[in-house]
Amino acid sequence: MIPLPPDSIMKQIAEAIPEDVRGDIIIIGSLAAGYHFFGDDPEATVMTKDVDCLLSPNIRAVKNGKAVAERLLGQGWSVRKYGNFERPGSPQTPSSELPFIRLSPPGNPEWFLELNASPPAGQPENKRTERVATTHGDFAIFSFRFLALVEEDPIRTPYGISIARPEMMALANLLHHPVIRPELIQDTTDKRSNKDLGRVLALAWLAISRDGDAMRAWSEQWMVALKNRFAQKWKPLAAQSGDGLRALLVSPPDLDQAVRLCNDGLLARRPVTAASLAATGRRVLVEAVGPLEAASRGTVRA
């Protein structure tokens, strides 16, 4: 990971993307959080190596993904090599063997932009991939089911692209990880669940640092978003929304790993202790998750 200045990177990305596509771009992940919480500080940086862009709505995602990829590759951006992927595929390459759209800016291979698609309404599986055929070769673009939540009222930036709201990124991560899974982040010994659930804690810690009542506001916004995006399934989703976070808080090794990842990433400017993030996690469970769980049971919290 490297330090990236949120405001200038946001401007660089917006200027590189075709103007007619900018309104369909929602930045998610570390850059979005960094821009939201300290993007107005010209000396601030966020530690990351990837900038995730969500193409929304889904109906235009493949078309827009092609337009963005062709524009950036035509401007000298390069395909990011990872795993066994070194170049785009051909029309004959099976979809399962296509690289994702990960592109590094000219002369700077230390970070990359990755294109994701918003999920179609009612997507049942957690992850789905689609083929994006460009004049430079074929890629895959994926959509995560719960990223539908970050399409809720994204925050528009002065550059014409939007960022996801921290509370919506947090809820998407909570729902995607109802348990701590053994899957590791590529080329590391770190669990993906620990990184994503730790991100929930980091977002909550930053939000509470700005506004002590933030978690109560999150709970209200979560309820609206769940009903909007998962009208028929919001109750079971609300009922399990705290399961993964509870599992993290009672597992010292997993919590320690999550804290380290937070301090290496989003909280690098102000590292925190495991005790501090655990306390933040308990507040999330009581003030934000608790009302959701109560609503799923048809009970009212005092």
C-alpha atoms as a PDB file:
ATOM      1  CA  MET A   1       0.000   0.000   0.000  1.00  0.00           C
ATOM      2  CA  ILE A   2       1.091   3.564  -0.678  1.00  0.00           C
ATOM      3  CA  PRO A   3      -0.136   6.963   0.542  1.00  0.00           C
ATOM      4  CA  LEU A   4      -2.594   8.486  -1.926  1.00  0.00           C
ATOM      5  CA  PRO A   5      -3.993  12.020  -1.532  1.00  0.00           C
ATOM      6  CA  PRO A   6      -7.776  11.523  -1.784  1.00  0.00           C
ATOM      7  CA  ASP A   7      -8.712  14.800  -3.451  1.00  0.00           C
ATOM      8  CA  SER A   8      -6.077  14.806  -6.179  1.00  0.00           C
ATOM      9  CA  ILE A   9      -6.592  11.097  -6.963  1.00  0.00           C
ATOM     10  CA  MET A  10     -10.342  11.678  -7.211  1.00  0.00           C
ATOM     11  CA  LYS A  11      -9.711  14.532  -9.639  1.00  0.00           C
ATOM     12  CA  GLN A  12      -7.258  12.449 -11.698  1.00  0.00           C
ATOM     13  CA  ILE A  13      -9.723   9.583 -12.030  1.00  0.00           C
ATOM     14  CA  ALA A  14     -12.628  11.841 -12.954  1.00  0.00           C
ATOM     15  CA  GLU A  15     -10.631  13.601 -15.648  1.00  0.00           C
ATOM     16  CA  ALA A  16      -9.500  10.281 -17.132  1.00  0.00           C
ATOM     17  CA  ILE A  17     -13.028   8.820 -17.330  1.00  0.00           C
ATOM     18  CA  PRO A  18     -15.295   9.751 -20.278  1.00  0.00           C
ATOM     19  CA  GLU A  19     -17.461  12.695 -19.253  1.00  0.00           C
ATOM     20  CA  ASP A  20     -20.725  10.959 -20.129  1.00  0.00           C
ATOM     21  CA  VAL A  21     -19.839   8.079 -17.784  1.00  0.00           C
ATOM     22  CA  ARG A  22     -18.805  10.098 -14.715  1.00  0.00           C
ATOM     23  CA  GLY A  23     -22.331  10.310 -13.380  1.00  0.00           C
ATOM     24  CA  ASP A  24     -22.474   6.492 -13.303  1.00  0.00           C
ATOM     25  CA  ILE A  25     -19.305   6.100 -11.218  1.00  0.00           C
ATOM     26  CA  ILE A  26     -19.398   5.553  -7.457  1.00  0.00           C
ATOM     27  CA  ILE A  27     -16.013   5.287  -5.747  1.00  0.00           C
ATOM     28  CA  ILE A  28     -16.038   2.761  -2.921  1.00  0.00           C
ATOM     29  CA  GLY A  29     -13.473   1.440  -0.447  1.00  0.00           C
ATOM     30  CA  SER A  30     -10.527   3.257   1.124  1.00  0.00           C
ATOM     31  CA  LEU A  31     -10.412   6.202  -1.258  1.00  0.00           C
ATOM     32  CA  ALA A  32     -14.109   6.935  -0.755  1.00  0.00           C
ATOM     33  CA  ALA A  33     -13.730   6.781   3.024  1.00  0.00           C
ATOM     34  CA  GLY A  34     -10.572   8.887   2.976  1.00  0.00           C
ATOM     35  CA  TYR A  35     -12.182  11.517   0.761  1.00  0.00           C
ATOM     36  CA  HIS A  36     -15.247  11.644   3.018  1.00  0.00           C
ATOM     37  CA  PHE A  37     -13.425  11.926   6.338  1.00  0.00           C
ATOM     38  CA  PHE A  38     -10.318  13.926   5.496  1.00  0.00           C
ATOM     39  CA  GLY A  39     -10.405  14.817   1.814  1.00  0.00           C
ATOM     40  CA  ASP A  40     -10.520  18.523   2.633  1.00  0.00           C
ATOM     41  CA  ASP A  41      -7.039  18.313   4.192  1.00  0.00           C
ATOM     42  CA  PRO A  42      -4.509  18.982   1.393  1.00  0.00           C
ATOM     43  CA  GLU A  43      -1.822  17.097   3.317  1.00  0.00           C
ATOM     44  CA  ALA A  44      -3.958  14.041   4.084  1.00  0.00           C
ATOM     45  CA  THR A  45      -3.317  10.688   2.450  1.00  0.00           C
ATOM     46  CA  VAL A  46      -4.991   7.301   2.570  1.00  0.00           C
ATOM     47  CA  MET A  47      -2.956   4.094   2.534  1.00  0.00           C
ATOM     48  CA  THR A  48      -4.146   1.846  -0.268  1.00  0.00           C
ATOM     49  CA  LYS A  49      -3.054   0.359  -3.569  1.00  0.00           C
ATOM     50  CA  ASP A  50      -6.433  -0.010  -5.263  1.00  0.00           C
ATOM     51  CA  VAL A  51      -9.250   2.361  -6.123  1.00  0.00           C
ATOM     52  CA  ASP A  52     -12.566   0.548  -6.543  1.00  0.00           C
ATOM     53  CA  CYS A  53     -15.098   2.079  -8.929  1.00  0.00           C
ATOM     54  CA  LEU A  54     -18.691   0.854  -8.964  1.00  0.00           C
ATOM     55  CA  LEU A  55     -20.497   1.213 -12.291  1.00  0.00           C
ATOM     56  CA  SER A  56     -24.129   2.029 -11.526  1.00  0.00           C
ATOM     57  CA  PRO A  57     -26.770   1.231 -12.640  1.00  0.00           C
ATOM     58  CA  ASN A  58     -26.210  -2.382 -13.634  1.00  0.00           C
ATOM     59  CA  ILE A  59     -28.054  -2.005 -16.927  1.00  0.00           C
ATOM     60  CA  ARG A  60     -25.231   0.229 -18.241  1.00  0.00           C
ATOM     61  CA  ALA A  61     -22.340  -1.367 -16.345  1.00  0.00           C
ATOM     62  CA  VAL A  62     -20.883  -3.521 -19.130  1.00  0.00           C
ATOM     63  CA  LYS A  63     -21.199  -0.749 -21.732  1.00  0.00           C
ATOM     64  CA  ASN A  64     -19.653   1.797 -19.372  1.00  0.00           C
ATOM     65  CA  GLY A  65     -16.954  -0.638 -18.289  1.00  0.00           C
ATOM     66  CA  LYS A  66     -15.943  -1.037 -21.921  1.00  0.00           C
ATOM     67  CA  ALA A  67     -15.931   2.738 -22.463  1.00  0.00           C
ATOM     68  CA  VAL A  68     -13.796   3.406 -19.383  1.00  0.00           C
ATOM     69  CA  ALA A  69     -11.337   0.582 -20.098  1.00  0.00           C
ATOM     70  CA  GLU A  70     -10.834   1.668 -23.700  1.00  0.00           C
ATOM     71  CA  ARG A  71     -10.387   5.328 -22.736  1.00  0.00           C
ATOM     72  CA  LEU A  72      -7.828   4.569 -20.019  1.00  0.00           C
ATOM     73  CA  LEU A  73      -5.876   2.023 -22.051  1.00  0.00           C
ATOM     74  CA  GLY A  74      -5.849   4.494 -24.919  1.00  0.00           C
ATOM     75  CA  GLN A  75      -4.400   7.134 -22.566  1.00  0.00           C
ATOM     76  CA  GLY A  76      -1.492   4.912 -21.577  1.00  0.00           C
ATOM     77  CA  TRP A  77      -2.904   3.204 -18.504  1.00  0.00           C
ATOM     78  CA  SER A  78      -1.608  -0.359 -18.213  1.00  0.00           C
ATOM     79  CA  VAL A  79      -3.178  -3.676 -17.277  1.00  0.00           C
ATOM     80  CA  ARG A  80      -2.273  -4.630 -13.715  1.00  0.00           C
ATOM     81  CA  LYS A  81      -0.624  -8.038 -13.569  1.00  0.00           C
ATOM     82  CA  TYR A  82      -1.828 -10.263 -10.744  1.00  0.00           C
ATOM     83  CA  GLY A  83      -1.829 -13.989 -10.068  1.00  0.00           C
ATOM     84  CA  ASN A  84      -1.687 -15.792 -13.400  1.00  0.00           C
ATOM     85  CA  PHE A  85      -3.183 -12.840 -15.277  1.00  0.00           C
ATOM     86  CA  GLU A  86      -0.763 -10.789 -17.371  1.00  0.00           C
ATOM     87  CA  ARG A  87      -2.933  -9.553 -20.247  1.00  0.00           C
ATOM     88  CA  PRO A  88      -6.560  -9.393 -21.400  1.00  0.00           C
ATOM     89  CA  GLY A  89      -8.152 -12.527 -22.770  1.00  0.00           C
ATOM     90  CA  SER A  90      -9.425 -13.248 -26.260  1.00  0.00           C
ATOM     91  CA  PRO A  91     -13.003 -13.959 -27.370  1.00  0.00           C
ATOM     92  CA  GLN A  92     -12.145 -17.642 -27.015  1.00  0.00           C
ATOM     93  CA  THR A  93     -10.992 -17.322 -23.400  1.00  0.00           C
ATOM     94  CA  PRO A  94     -13.567 -18.834 -20.996  1.00  0.00           C
ATOM     95  CA  SER A  95     -15.217 -16.177 -18.839  1.00  0.00           C
ATOM     96  CA  SER A  96     -13.860 -17.868 -15.705  1.00  0.00           C
ATOM     97  CA  GLU A  97     -10.306 -17.311 -16.966  1.00  0.00           C
ATOM     98  CA  LEU A  98     -10.591 -13.601 -17.770  1.00  0.00           C
ATOM     99  CA  PRO A  99      -8.746 -10.949 -15.729  1.00  0.00           C
ATOM    100  CA  PHE A 100     -10.680  -8.253 -13.926  1.00  0.00           C
ATOM    101  CA  ILE A 101     -10.361  -4.670 -15.164  1.00  0.00           C
ATOM    102  CA  ARG A 102      -7.442  -3.453 -13.065  1.00  0.00           C
ATOM    103  CA  LEU A 103      -5.553  -0.569 -14.626  1.00  0.00           C
ATOM    104  CA  SER A 104      -2.559   1.452 -13.385  1.00  0.00           C
ATOM    105  CA  PRO A 105      -2.046   5.091 -14.423  1.00  0.00           C
ATOM    106  CA  PRO A 106       0.808   6.006 -16.789  1.00  0.00           C
ATOM    107  CA  GLY A 107       4.186   5.853 -15.102  1.00  0.00           C
ATOM    108  CA  ASN A 108       2.782   4.822 -11.717  1.00  0.00           C
ATOM    109  CA  PRO A 109       2.342   1.055 -11.292  1.00  0.00           C
ATOM    110  CA  GLU A 110       2.084   1.338  -7.487  1.00  0.00           C
ATOM    111  CA  TRP A 111      -1.701   1.758  -7.502  1.00  0.00           C
ATOM    112  CA  PHE A 112      -4.530   0.718  -9.778  1.00  0.00           C
ATOM    113  CA  LEU A 113      -8.165   1.398 -10.539  1.00  0.00           C
ATOM    114  CA  GLU A 114     -10.570  -1.552 -10.541  1.00  0.00           C
ATOM    115  CA  LEU A 115     -14.002  -1.521 -12.171  1.00  0.00           C
ATOM    116  CA  ASN A 116     -16.904  -3.345 -10.527  1.00  0.00           C
ATOM    117  CA  ALA A 117     -20.553  -3.535 -11.583  1.00  0.00           C
ATOM    118  CA  SER A 118     -23.513  -2.825  -9.370  1.00  0.00           C
ATOM    119  CA  PRO A 119     -25.639  -5.954  -8.958  1.00  0.00           C
ATOM    120  CA  PRO A 120     -28.835  -6.429 -10.954  1.00  0.00           C
ATOM    121  CA  ALA A 121     -32.031  -6.268  -8.927  1.00  0.00           C
ATOM    122  CA  GLY A 122     -32.649  -9.558  -7.158  1.00  0.00           C
ATOM    123  CA  GLN A 123     -29.174 -11.011  -7.715  1.00  0.00           C
ATOM    124  CA  PRO A 124     -29.318 -14.160  -5.563  1.00  0.00           C
ATOM    125  CA  GLU A 125     -25.645 -15.138  -5.450  1.00  0.00           C
ATOM    126  CA  ASN A 126     -23.072 -13.155  -3.490  1.00  0.00           C
ATOM    127  CA  LYS A 127     -20.835 -12.656  -6.544  1.00  0.00           C
ATOM    128  CA  ARG A 128     -21.498 -12.671 -10.268  1.00  0.00           C
ATOM    129  CA  THR A 129     -19.165 -11.998 -13.218  1.00  0.00           C
ATOM    130  CA  GLU A 130     -19.820 -10.720 -16.737  1.00  0.00           C
ATOM    131  CA  ARG A 131     -17.597 -10.461 -19.802  1.00  0.00           C
ATOM    132  CA  VAL A 132     -16.463  -7.054 -21.059  1.00  0.00           C
ATOM    133  CA  ALA A 133     -15.148  -7.204 -24.625  1.00  0.00           C
ATOM    134  CA  THR A 134     -12.888  -4.297 -25.638  1.00  0.00           C
ATOM    135  CA  THR A 135     -10.681  -3.526 -28.605  1.00  0.00           C
ATOM    136  CA  HIS A 136      -7.707  -4.334 -26.336  1.00  0.00           C
ATOM    137  CA  GLY A 137      -9.041  -7.762 -25.329  1.00  0.00           C
ATOM    138  CA  ASP A 138     -11.630  -9.294 -23.044  1.00  0.00           C
ATOM    139  CA  PHE A 139     -11.992  -8.743 -19.309  1.00  0.00           C
ATOM    140  CA  ALA A 140     -14.373  -9.815 -16.551  1.00  0.00           C
ATOM    141  CA  ILE A 141     -16.346  -7.491 -14.342  1.00  0.00           C
ATOM    142  CA  PHE A 142     -17.928  -8.672 -11.112  1.00  0.00           C
ATOM    143  CA  SER A 143     -20.890  -7.588  -9.033  1.00  0.00           C
ATOM    144  CA  PHE A 144     -21.348  -8.272  -5.320  1.00  0.00           C
ATOM    145  CA  ARG A 145     -24.917  -8.698  -4.134  1.00  0.00           C
ATOM    146  CA  PHE A 146     -24.656  -6.355  -1.162  1.00  0.00           C
ATOM    147  CA  LEU A 147     -22.981  -3.539  -3.058  1.00  0.00           C
ATOM    148  CA  ALA A 148     -26.530  -2.587  -4.034  1.00  0.00           C
ATOM    149  CA  LEU A 149     -26.501  -0.766  -0.702  1.00  0.00           C
ATOM    150  CA  VAL A 150     -23.802   1.706  -1.755  1.00  0.00           C
ATOM    151  CA  GLU A 151     -26.109   2.917  -4.515  1.00  0.00           C
ATOM    152  CA  GLU A 152     -28.250   4.464  -1.785  1.00  0.00           C
ATOM    153  CA  ASP A 153     -27.860   8.252  -1.935  1.00  0.00           C
ATOM    154  CA  PRO A 154     -24.139   8.385  -2.859  1.00  0.00           C
ATOM    155  CA  ILE A 155     -22.331  11.671  -2.258  1.00  0.00           C
ATOM    156  CA  ARG A 156     -21.569  13.667  -5.393  1.00  0.00           C
ATOM    157  CA  THR A 157     -18.096  15.238  -5.590  1.00  0.00           C
ATOM    158  CA  PRO A 158     -17.170  18.445  -7.422  1.00  0.00           C
ATOM    159  CA  TYR A 159     -15.544  16.274 -10.096  1.00  0.00           C
ATOM    160  CA  GLY A 160     -18.787  14.721 -11.334  1.00  0.00           C
ATOM    161  CA  ILE A 161     -18.224  11.274  -9.806  1.00  0.00           C
ATOM    162  CA  SER A 162     -19.697  10.115  -6.505  1.00  0.00           C
ATOM    163  CA  ILE A 163     -18.458   8.361  -3.385  1.00  0.00           C
ATOM    164  CA  ALA A 164     -20.335   5.757  -1.377  1.00  0.00           C
ATOM    165  CA  ARG A 165     -21.561   6.723   2.066  1.00  0.00           C
ATOM    166  CA  PRO A 166     -19.434   5.183   4.851  1.00  0.00           C
ATOM    167  CA  GLU A 167     -22.480   3.714   6.588  1.00  0.00           C
ATOM    168  CA  MET A 168     -23.557   1.923   3.405  1.00  0.00           C
ATOM    169  CA  MET A 169     -20.079   0.465   2.844  1.00  0.00           C
ATOM    170  CA  ALA A 170     -20.108  -0.715   6.455  1.00  0.00           C
ATOM    171  CA  LEU A 171     -23.489  -2.438   6.133  1.00  0.00           C
ATOM    172  CA  ALA A 172     -22.469  -4.110   2.864  1.00  0.00           C
ATOM    173  CA  ASN A 173     -19.403  -5.560   4.607  1.00  0.00           C
ATOM    174  CA  LEU A 174     -21.426  -6.731   7.601  1.00  0.00           C
ATOM    175  CA  LEU A 175     -23.902  -8.574   5.405  1.00  0.00           C
ATOM    176  CA  HIS A 176     -21.208 -10.067   3.178  1.00  0.00           C
ATOM    177  CA  HIS A 177     -19.454 -11.594   6.202  1.00  0.00           C
ATOM    178  CA  PRO A 178     -21.974 -13.188   8.602  1.00  0.00           C
ATOM    179  CA  VAL A 179     -19.147 -15.529   9.645  1.00  0.00           C
ATOM    180  CA  ILE A 180     -15.356 -15.342   9.576  1.00  0.00           C
ATOM    181  CA  ARG A 181     -14.366 -17.354   6.535  1.00  0.00           C
ATOM    182  CA  PRO A 182     -10.925 -18.909   6.010  1.00  0.00           C
ATOM    183  CA  GLU A 183     -10.379 -17.338   2.558  1.00  0.00           C
ATOM    184  CA  LEU A 184      -7.211 -15.242   2.435  1.00  0.00           C
ATOM    185  CA  ILE A 185      -6.437 -12.010   0.628  1.00  0.00           C
ATOM    186  CA  GLN A 186      -4.279 -12.819  -2.395  1.00  0.00           C
ATOM    187  CA  ASP A 187      -0.563 -13.218  -1.603  1.00  0.00           C
ATOM    188  CA  THR A 188      -1.096 -12.700   2.152  1.00  0.00           C
ATOM    189  CA  THR A 189      -1.947 -14.679   5.276  1.00  0.00           C
ATOM    190  CA  ASP A 190      -4.737 -12.231   6.142  1.00  0.00           C
ATOM    191  CA  LYS A 191      -8.363 -13.308   6.098  1.00  0.00           C
ATOM    192  CA  ARG A 192     -10.637 -11.352   3.773  1.00  0.00           C
ATOM    193  CA  SER A 193     -13.356 -11.403   6.435  1.00  0.00           C
ATOM    194  CA  ASN A 194     -11.026  -9.814   8.973  1.00  0.00           C
ATOM    195  CA  LYS A 195     -10.118  -7.026   6.570  1.00  0.00           C
ATOM    196  CA  ASP A 196     -13.721  -6.250   5.660  1.00  0.00           C
ATOM    197  CA  LEU A 197     -15.132  -6.534   9.184  1.00  0.00           C
ATOM    198  CA  GLY A 198     -12.191  -4.478  10.422  1.00  0.00           C
ATOM    199  CA  ARG A 199     -13.145  -1.870   7.827  1.00  0.00           C
ATOM    200  CA  VAL A 200     -16.561  -1.659   9.511  1.00  0.00           C
ATOM    201  CA  LEU A 201     -14.809  -0.843  12.784  1.00  0.00           C
ATOM    202  CA  ALA A 202     -12.542   1.739  11.134  1.00  0.00           C
ATOM    203  CA  LEU A 203     -15.461   3.487   9.427  1.00  0.00           C
ATOM    204  CA  ALA A 204     -17.437   3.512  12.658  1.00  0.00           C
ATOM    205  CA  TRP A 205     -14.461   4.831  14.649  1.00  0.00           C
ATOM    206  CA  LEU A 206     -13.979   7.688  12.185  1.00  0.00           C
ATOM    207  CA  ALA A 207     -17.703   8.472  12.154  1.00  0.00           C
ATOM    208  CA  ILE A 208     -17.965   8.500  15.960  1.00  0.00           C
ATOM    209  CA  SER A 209     -14.862  10.683  16.195  1.00  0.00           C
ATOM    210  CA  ARG A 210     -16.705  13.242  14.088  1.00  0.00           C
ATOM    211  CA  ASP A 211     -20.173  12.779  15.607  1.00  0.00           C
ATOM    212  CA  GLY A 212     -20.786  10.908  18.855  1.00  0.00           C
ATOM    213  CA  ASP A 213     -24.347  10.030  17.809  1.00  0.00           C
ATOM    214  CA  ALA A 214     -23.338   8.673  14.407  1.00  0.00           C
ATOM    215  CA  MET A 215     -24.280   5.076  15.149  1.00  0.00           C
ATOM    216  CA  ARG A 216     -27.899   5.940  15.863  1.00  0.00           C
ATOM    217  CA  ALA A 217     -28.070   7.745  12.534  1.00  0.00           C
ATOM    218  CA  TRP A 218     -26.486   4.746  10.831  1.00  0.00           C
ATOM    219  CA  SER A 219     -29.181   2.456  12.204  1.00  0.00           C
ATOM    220  CA  GLU A 220     -31.968   4.581  10.741  1.00  0.00           C
ATOM    221  CA  GLN A 221     -30.229   4.820   7.379  1.00  0.00           C
ATOM    222  CA  TRP A 222     -29.544   1.079   7.323  1.00  0.00           C
ATOM    223  CA  MET A 223     -33.208   0.296   7.840  1.00  0.00           C
ATOM    224  CA  VAL A 224     -34.252   2.511   4.950  1.00  0.00           C
ATOM    225  CA  ALA A 225     -31.576   1.068   2.655  1.00  0.00           C
ATOM    226  CA  LEU A 226     -32.411  -2.550   3.497  1.00  0.00           C
ATOM    227  CA  LYS A 227     -36.096  -2.015   2.788  1.00  0.00           C
ATOM    228  CA  ASN A 228     -35.319  -0.197  -0.457  1.00  0.00           C
ATOM    229  CA  ARG A 229     -32.798  -2.687  -1.797  1.00  0.00           C
ATOM    230  CA  PHE A 230     -33.986  -5.983  -0.295  1.00  0.00           C
ATOM    231  CA  ALA A 231     -37.695  -5.421   0.224  1.00  0.00           C
ATOM    232  CA  GLN A 232     -38.579  -9.113   0.458  1.00  0.00           C
ATOM    233  CA  LYS A 233     -35.523 -10.215   2.421  1.00  0.00           C
ATOM    234  CA  TRP A 234     -34.711  -7.335   4.745  1.00  0.00           C
ATOM    235  CA  LYS A 235     -35.834  -9.134   7.910  1.00  0.00           C
ATOM    236  CA  PRO A 236     -33.485 -12.148   7.662  1.00  0.00           C
ATOM    237  CA  LEU A 237     -30.678  -9.858   6.534  1.00  0.00           C
ATOM    238  CA  ALA A 238     -31.255  -7.501   9.465  1.00  0.00           C
ATOM    239  CA  ALA A 239     -31.382 -10.467  11.829  1.00  0.00           C
ATOM    240  CA  GLN A 240     -27.888 -11.639  10.832  1.00  0.00           C
ATOM    241  CA  SER A 241     -26.312  -8.206  10.370  1.00  0.00           C
ATOM    242  CA  GLY A 242     -24.253  -8.411  13.564  1.00  0.00           C
ATOM    243  CA  ASP A 243     -23.195 -12.057  13.426  1.00  0.00           C
ATOM    244  CA  GLY A 244     -19.828 -11.586  11.726  1.00  0.00           C
ATOM    245  CA  LEU A 245     -18.858  -8.625  13.887  1.00  0.00           C
ATOM    246  CA  ARG A 246     -19.702 -10.552  17.063  1.00  0.00           C
ATOM    247  CA  ALA A 247     -17.533 -13.431  15.844  1.00  0.00           C
ATOM    248  CA  LEU A 248     -14.657 -11.020  15.250  1.00  0.00           C
ATOM    249  CA  LEU A 249     -14.905  -9.421  18.694  1.00  0.00           C
ATOM    250  CA  VAL A 250     -14.738 -12.752  20.557  1.00  0.00           C
ATOM    251  CA  SER A 251     -11.733 -14.036  18.576  1.00  0.00           C
ATOM    252  CA  PRO A 252      -8.541 -12.260  19.746  1.00  0.00           C
ATOM    253  CA  PRO A 253      -6.363 -13.506  16.852  1.00  0.00           C
ATOM    254  CA  ASP A 254      -8.891 -12.363  14.266  1.00  0.00           C
ATOM    255  CA  LEU A 255      -9.469  -9.043  16.012  1.00  0.00           C
ATOM    256  CA  ASP A 256      -5.725  -8.404  16.250  1.00  0.00           C
ATOM    257  CA  GLN A 257      -5.380  -9.068  12.532  1.00  0.00           C
ATOM    258  CA  ALA A 258      -8.284  -6.740  11.761  1.00  0.00           C
ATOM    259  CA  VAL A 259      -6.753  -3.987  13.909  1.00  0.00           C
ATOM    260  CA  ARG A 260      -3.389  -4.326  12.177  1.00  0.00           C
ATOM    261  CA  LEU A 261      -5.035  -4.091   8.761  1.00  0.00           C
ATOM    262  CA  CYS A 262      -6.973  -0.993   9.856  1.00  0.00           C
ATOM    263  CA  ASN A 263      -3.831   0.676  11.194  1.00  0.00           C
ATOM    264  CA  ASP A 264      -1.913  -0.187   8.026  1.00  0.00           C
ATOM    265  CA  GLY A 265      -4.739   1.219   5.904  1.00  0.00           C
ATOM    266  CA  LEU A 266      -7.591   3.596   6.637  1.00  0.00           C
ATOM    267  CA  LEU A 267      -6.444   4.456  10.171  1.00  0.00           C
ATOM    268  CA  ALA A 268      -2.749   4.886   9.323  1.00  0.00           C
ATOM    269  CA  ARG A 269      -2.976   8.603  10.125  1.00  0.00           C
ATOM    270  CA  ARG A 270      -4.264   7.879  13.642  1.00  0.00           C
ATOM    271  CA  PRO A 271      -3.542   4.256  14.655  1.00  0.00           C
ATOM    272  CA  VAL A 272      -5.764   2.838  17.384  1.00  0.00           C
ATOM    273  CA  THR A 273      -5.548  -0.025  19.857  1.00  0.00           C
ATOM    274  CA  ALA A 274      -7.443  -3.274  19.782  1.00  0.00           C
ATOM    275  CA  ALA A 275      -9.268  -2.190  22.927  1.00  0.00           C
ATOM    276  CA  SER A 276     -10.427   1.007  21.236  1.00  0.00           C
ATOM    277  CA  LEU A 277     -11.716  -0.747  18.142  1.00  0.00           C
ATOM    278  CA  ALA A 278     -13.366  -3.449  20.234  1.00  0.00           C
ATOM    279  CA  ALA A 279     -15.198  -0.732  22.169  1.00  0.00           C
ATOM    280  CA  THR A 280     -16.250   0.790  18.860  1.00  0.00           C
ATOM    281  CA  GLY A 281     -17.506  -2.608  17.748  1.00  0.00           C
ATOM    282  CA  ARG A 282     -19.658  -2.936  20.852  1.00  0.00           C
ATOM    283  CA  ARG A 283     -21.188   0.463  20.133  1.00  0.00           C
ATOM    284  CA  VAL A 284     -21.953  -0.614  16.569  1.00  0.00           C
ATOM    285  CA  LEU A 285     -23.705  -3.712  17.880  1.00  0.00           C
ATOM    286  CA  VAL A 286     -25.758  -1.873  20.472  1.00  0.00           C
ATOM    287  CA  GLU A 287     -26.575   1.395  18.727  1.00  0.00           C
ATOM    288  CA  ALA A 288     -26.658   0.470  15.023  1.00  0.00           C
ATOM    289  CA  VAL A 289     -27.180  -3.293  14.705  1.00  0.00           C
ATOM    290  CA  GLY A 290     -29.423  -3.688  17.757  1.00  0.00           C
ATOM    291  CA  PRO A 291     -32.376  -1.728  16.362  1.00  0.00           C
ATOM    292  CA  LEU A 292     -32.159  -3.660  13.080  1.00  0.00           C
ATOM    293  CA  GLU A 293     -32.270  -6.983  14.881  1.00  0.00           C
ATOM    294  CA  ALA A 294     -35.182  -5.822  17.021  1.00  0.00           C
ATOM    295  CA  ALA A 295     -37.103  -4.684  13.937  1.00  0.00           C
ATOM    296  CA  SER A 296     -36.514  -8.040  12.269  1.00  0.00           C
ATOM    297  CA  ARG A 297     -38.250  -9.701  15.223  1.00  0.00           C
ATOM    298  CA  GLY A 298     -41.065  -7.181  15.275  1.00  0.00           C
ATOM    299  CA  THR A 299     -39.999  -5.845  18.685  1.00  0.00           C
ATOM    300  CA  VAL A 300     -39.285  -2.266  19.724  1.00  0.00           C
ATOM    301  CA  ARG A 301     -36.055  -1.215  21.378  1.00  0.00           C
ATOM    302  CA  ALA A 302     -36.331   1.133  24.327  1.00  0.00           C
END
